[in-house]
Structures are given as structure tokens and as C-alpha cells.
Amino acid sequence: MAPLPGAELVQRPLQLYRYLLRCCRQLPTKGIQEHYKHAVRQGFRVHSDEDNPERIQQIIKRAIEDADWIMNKVSAWLTSTCELGC
């Protein structure tokens, strides 16, 4: 499961939020999707008062890296599960 295209275009928090929710929709089960949607919402609540542009860019970069890692982890899990008998 590759990261969604468009990650390189994310520059603002709202764009990041939408990107991360689109990533959540790619996850295999409703339970996993809801778990990560909740995590995305929580992350935005925690950082909602951030006003330092450099810090915002750091948060965006890290969030995209984390989303890529999760998508790759799920992809590896799906591959191994299918090898055992989908």
C-alpha cells in the first residue's frame, strides 16, 4: 500500500488533515480506519494553537512520514496475510 500521491503538495495544516483522512480511507478495515482517524483528529487538537511556521512545517513533515510508515506497515501485513491464505 503505497502512500497517496500529493504528499509533496501539502503545505498547510488543512491540506495535511485532508491528506491524512484520505490515507485513512485506504486502510483495510473499518476498525483500523477509525483508529487512525481518531489519532489524526487528536493530533490536530493538540497542535491547534501552534503558530510558529517552522514548527508547523516540522509537524507536517513528520505526519507525512508517519503516514507513509503506517501505509507501508499495513501493506506488509496484508502481503504476509495473503501469503498465508487470503
N, C-alpha and C. Protein backbone atom coordinates (compact mmCIF):
# COMPACT_ATOMS: atom_id res chain seq x y z
N MET A 1 0.86 -1.17 0.00
CA MET A 1 0.00 0.00 0.00
C MET A 1 0.91 1.23 0.00
N ALA A 2 1.00 1.85 -1.13
CA ALA A 2 1.88 3.00 -1.28
C ALA A 2 1.23 4.25 -0.71
N PRO A 3 2.05 5.19 -0.31
CA PRO A 3 1.49 6.47 0.15
C PRO A 3 0.68 7.11 -0.98
N LEU A 4 -0.27 7.90 -0.62
CA LEU A 4 -1.09 8.57 -1.63
C LEU A 4 -0.30 9.64 -2.34
N PRO A 5 -0.58 9.84 -3.62
CA PRO A 5 0.08 10.94 -4.32
C PRO A 5 -0.39 12.27 -3.76
N GLY A 6 0.44 13.25 -3.87
CA GLY A 6 0.06 14.58 -3.41
C GLY A 6 0.69 14.97 -2.10
N ALA A 7 1.41 14.07 -1.45
CA ALA A 7 2.04 14.41 -0.17
C ALA A 7 3.00 15.58 -0.32
N GLU A 8 3.67 15.65 -1.47
CA GLU A 8 4.64 16.72 -1.68
C GLU A 8 3.97 18.09 -1.82
N LEU A 9 2.65 18.10 -2.07
CA LEU A 9 1.92 19.35 -2.23
C LEU A 9 1.38 19.91 -0.92
N VAL A 10 1.45 19.11 0.14
CA VAL A 10 0.89 19.53 1.43
C VAL A 10 1.78 20.60 2.04
N GLN A 11 1.21 21.79 2.23
CA GLN A 11 1.95 22.91 2.81
C GLN A 11 1.26 23.51 4.02
N ARG A 12 -0.05 23.32 4.12
CA ARG A 12 -0.82 23.94 5.21
C ARG A 12 -1.51 22.86 6.04
N PRO A 13 -1.83 23.19 7.30
CA PRO A 13 -2.46 22.21 8.18
C PRO A 13 -3.75 21.60 7.62
N LEU A 14 -4.60 22.41 7.00
CA LEU A 14 -5.85 21.86 6.45
C LEU A 14 -5.56 20.86 5.33
N GLN A 15 -4.57 21.14 4.51
CA GLN A 15 -4.18 20.20 3.46
C GLN A 15 -3.68 18.90 4.07
N LEU A 16 -2.92 19.02 5.14
CA LEU A 16 -2.42 17.83 5.83
C LEU A 16 -3.58 17.01 6.38
N TYR A 17 -4.51 17.68 7.01
CA TYR A 17 -5.67 17.00 7.60
C TYR A 17 -6.41 16.19 6.53
N ARG A 18 -6.68 16.82 5.40
CA ARG A 18 -7.38 16.13 4.31
C ARG A 18 -6.57 14.97 3.76
N TYR A 19 -5.27 15.18 3.60
CA TYR A 19 -4.39 14.12 3.11
C TYR A 19 -4.42 12.92 4.06
N LEU A 20 -4.30 13.19 5.35
CA LEU A 20 -4.28 12.09 6.32
C LEU A 20 -5.62 11.34 6.36
N LEU A 21 -6.72 12.06 6.23
CA LEU A 21 -8.02 11.37 6.20
C LEU A 21 -8.17 10.53 4.94
N ARG A 22 -7.61 10.99 3.81
CA ARG A 22 -7.63 10.18 2.59
C ARG A 22 -6.80 8.92 2.79
N CYS A 23 -5.67 9.04 3.48
CA CYS A 23 -4.85 7.87 3.79
C CYS A 23 -5.65 6.88 4.65
N CYS A 24 -6.39 7.39 5.61
CA CYS A 24 -7.19 6.51 6.48
C CYS A 24 -8.20 5.70 5.68
N ARG A 25 -8.77 6.31 4.66
CA ARG A 25 -9.76 5.60 3.83
C ARG A 25 -9.15 4.44 3.06
N GLN A 26 -7.83 4.44 2.90
CA GLN A 26 -7.15 3.37 2.17
C GLN A 26 -6.86 2.16 3.05
N LEU A 27 -7.02 2.31 4.35
CA LEU A 27 -6.71 1.22 5.28
C LEU A 27 -7.76 0.12 5.16
N PRO A 28 -7.38 -1.13 5.45
CA PRO A 28 -8.21 -2.28 5.09
C PRO A 28 -9.52 -2.49 5.86
N THR A 29 -9.56 -2.17 7.14
CA THR A 29 -10.79 -2.45 7.89
C THR A 29 -11.32 -1.17 8.53
N LYS A 30 -12.62 -1.18 8.81
CA LYS A 30 -13.26 -0.02 9.45
C LYS A 30 -12.61 0.28 10.80
N GLY A 31 -12.29 -0.76 11.54
CA GLY A 31 -11.69 -0.56 12.86
C GLY A 31 -10.36 0.17 12.78
N ILE A 32 -9.52 -0.25 11.83
CA ILE A 32 -8.23 0.40 11.65
C ILE A 32 -8.43 1.83 11.15
N GLN A 33 -9.35 2.01 10.23
CA GLN A 33 -9.65 3.35 9.71
C GLN A 33 -10.08 4.28 10.83
N GLU A 34 -11.00 3.83 11.67
CA GLU A 34 -11.49 4.67 12.76
C GLU A 34 -10.40 4.98 13.77
N HIS A 35 -9.54 3.99 14.04
CA HIS A 35 -8.44 4.21 14.98
C HIS A 35 -7.55 5.36 14.51
N TYR A 36 -7.15 5.30 13.25
CA TYR A 36 -6.25 6.33 12.74
C TYR A 36 -6.95 7.66 12.50
N LYS A 37 -8.23 7.66 12.14
CA LYS A 37 -8.97 8.92 12.04
C LYS A 37 -9.00 9.62 13.39
N HIS A 38 -9.23 8.84 14.44
CA HIS A 38 -9.23 9.40 15.79
C HIS A 38 -7.86 9.99 16.13
N ALA A 39 -6.79 9.26 15.77
CA ALA A 39 -5.44 9.75 16.04
C ALA A 39 -5.16 11.05 15.28
N VAL A 40 -5.64 11.14 14.03
CA VAL A 40 -5.46 12.37 13.24
C VAL A 40 -6.17 13.53 13.92
N ARG A 41 -7.42 13.31 14.32
CA ARG A 41 -8.18 14.38 14.98
C ARG A 41 -7.50 14.83 16.27
N GLN A 42 -7.04 13.87 17.05
CA GLN A 42 -6.36 14.20 18.31
C GLN A 42 -5.10 15.02 18.05
N GLY A 43 -4.33 14.62 17.05
CA GLY A 43 -3.11 15.34 16.72
C GLY A 43 -3.40 16.79 16.35
N PHE A 44 -4.50 16.99 15.62
CA PHE A 44 -4.85 18.36 15.25
C PHE A 44 -5.33 19.16 16.44
N ARG A 45 -6.04 18.53 17.35
CA ARG A 45 -6.47 19.24 18.55
C ARG A 45 -5.27 19.66 19.40
N VAL A 46 -4.33 18.75 19.56
CA VAL A 46 -3.16 19.01 20.38
C VAL A 46 -2.34 20.18 19.83
N HIS A 47 -2.23 20.26 18.50
CA HIS A 47 -1.38 21.28 17.88
C HIS A 47 -2.16 22.47 17.34
N SER A 48 -3.43 22.59 17.70
CA SER A 48 -4.27 23.65 17.13
C SER A 48 -3.81 25.06 17.49
N ASP A 49 -3.07 25.20 18.58
CA ASP A 49 -2.63 26.53 18.99
C ASP A 49 -1.23 26.88 18.48
N GLU A 50 -0.64 25.98 17.68
CA GLU A 50 0.71 26.22 17.15
C GLU A 50 0.68 27.35 16.13
N ASP A 51 1.56 28.34 16.30
CA ASP A 51 1.57 29.46 15.35
C ASP A 51 2.96 29.73 14.77
N ASN A 52 3.94 28.95 15.14
CA ASN A 52 5.28 29.09 14.60
C ASN A 52 5.35 28.37 13.25
N PRO A 53 5.56 29.12 12.15
CA PRO A 53 5.56 28.50 10.81
C PRO A 53 6.59 27.37 10.65
N GLU A 54 7.77 27.53 11.26
CA GLU A 54 8.79 26.48 11.16
C GLU A 54 8.33 25.22 11.87
N ARG A 55 7.75 25.39 13.04
CA ARG A 55 7.25 24.23 13.80
C ARG A 55 6.11 23.55 13.05
N ILE A 56 5.23 24.33 12.44
CA ILE A 56 4.13 23.77 11.66
C ILE A 56 4.67 22.92 10.51
N GLN A 57 5.70 23.40 9.84
CA GLN A 57 6.30 22.64 8.75
C GLN A 57 6.95 21.35 9.27
N GLN A 58 7.56 21.40 10.44
CA GLN A 58 8.13 20.20 11.05
C GLN A 58 7.03 19.17 11.34
N ILE A 59 5.93 19.64 11.88
CA ILE A 59 4.81 18.76 12.21
C ILE A 59 4.25 18.13 10.93
N ILE A 60 4.09 18.93 9.88
CA ILE A 60 3.57 18.41 8.62
C ILE A 60 4.50 17.34 8.06
N LYS A 61 5.81 17.63 8.05
CA LYS A 61 6.78 16.67 7.52
C LYS A 61 6.73 15.36 8.30
N ARG A 62 6.71 15.46 9.61
CA ARG A 62 6.68 14.26 10.45
C ARG A 62 5.38 13.48 10.27
N ALA A 63 4.26 14.17 10.16
CA ALA A 63 2.98 13.50 9.99
C ALA A 63 2.93 12.73 8.67
N ILE A 64 3.49 13.30 7.62
CA ILE A 64 3.52 12.60 6.32
C ILE A 64 4.44 11.38 6.40
N GLU A 65 5.58 11.54 7.05
CA GLU A 65 6.49 10.39 7.24
C GLU A 65 5.81 9.28 8.03
N ASP A 66 5.09 9.65 9.08
CA ASP A 66 4.38 8.66 9.89
C ASP A 66 3.29 7.96 9.09
N ALA A 67 2.56 8.74 8.27
CA ALA A 67 1.51 8.16 7.45
C ALA A 67 2.10 7.17 6.43
N ASP A 68 3.23 7.53 5.84
CA ASP A 68 3.90 6.63 4.90
C ASP A 68 4.31 5.34 5.60
N TRP A 69 4.84 5.47 6.81
CA TRP A 69 5.27 4.29 7.57
C TRP A 69 4.08 3.38 7.85
N ILE A 70 2.97 3.97 8.27
CA ILE A 70 1.78 3.18 8.58
C ILE A 70 1.26 2.48 7.33
N MET A 71 1.20 3.21 6.21
CA MET A 71 0.71 2.62 4.96
C MET A 71 1.62 1.46 4.53
N ASN A 72 2.93 1.61 4.68
CA ASN A 72 3.86 0.53 4.33
C ASN A 72 3.72 -0.65 5.28
N LYS A 73 3.50 -0.36 6.55
CA LYS A 73 3.32 -1.43 7.55
C LYS A 73 2.07 -2.23 7.23
N VAL A 74 0.97 -1.56 6.92
CA VAL A 74 -0.27 -2.24 6.59
C VAL A 74 -0.11 -3.05 5.31
N SER A 75 0.61 -2.49 4.34
CA SER A 75 0.85 -3.19 3.08
C SER A 75 1.63 -4.48 3.34
N ALA A 76 2.66 -4.41 4.17
CA ALA A 76 3.45 -5.59 4.50
C ALA A 76 2.60 -6.62 5.23
N TRP A 77 1.75 -6.16 6.13
CA TRP A 77 0.86 -7.05 6.87
C TRP A 77 -0.11 -7.75 5.93
N LEU A 78 -0.68 -6.99 4.99
CA LEU A 78 -1.61 -7.58 4.03
C LEU A 78 -0.91 -8.61 3.14
N THR A 79 0.30 -8.29 2.73
CA THR A 79 1.06 -9.23 1.90
C THR A 79 1.34 -10.51 2.64
N SER A 80 1.77 -10.40 3.89
CA SER A 80 2.08 -11.61 4.67
C SER A 80 0.82 -12.40 4.96
N THR A 81 -0.29 -11.73 5.18
CA THR A 81 -1.56 -12.40 5.45
C THR A 81 -2.02 -13.17 4.22
N CYS A 82 -1.87 -12.55 3.05
CA CYS A 82 -2.29 -13.21 1.82
C CYS A 82 -1.40 -14.40 1.49
N GLU A 83 -0.13 -14.33 1.85
CA GLU A 83 0.77 -15.46 1.62
C GLU A 83 0.34 -16.66 2.47
N LEU A 84 -0.25 -16.39 3.61
CA LEU A 84 -0.71 -17.46 4.49
C LEU A 84 -2.06 -18.01 4.06
N GLY A 85 -2.72 -17.35 3.14
CA GLY A 85 -4.00 -17.83 2.65
C GLY A 85 -5.09 -16.79 2.76
N CYS A 86 -5.15 -15.91 1.81
CA CYS A 86 -6.15 -14.84 1.79
C CYS A 86 -7.56 -15.35 1.85
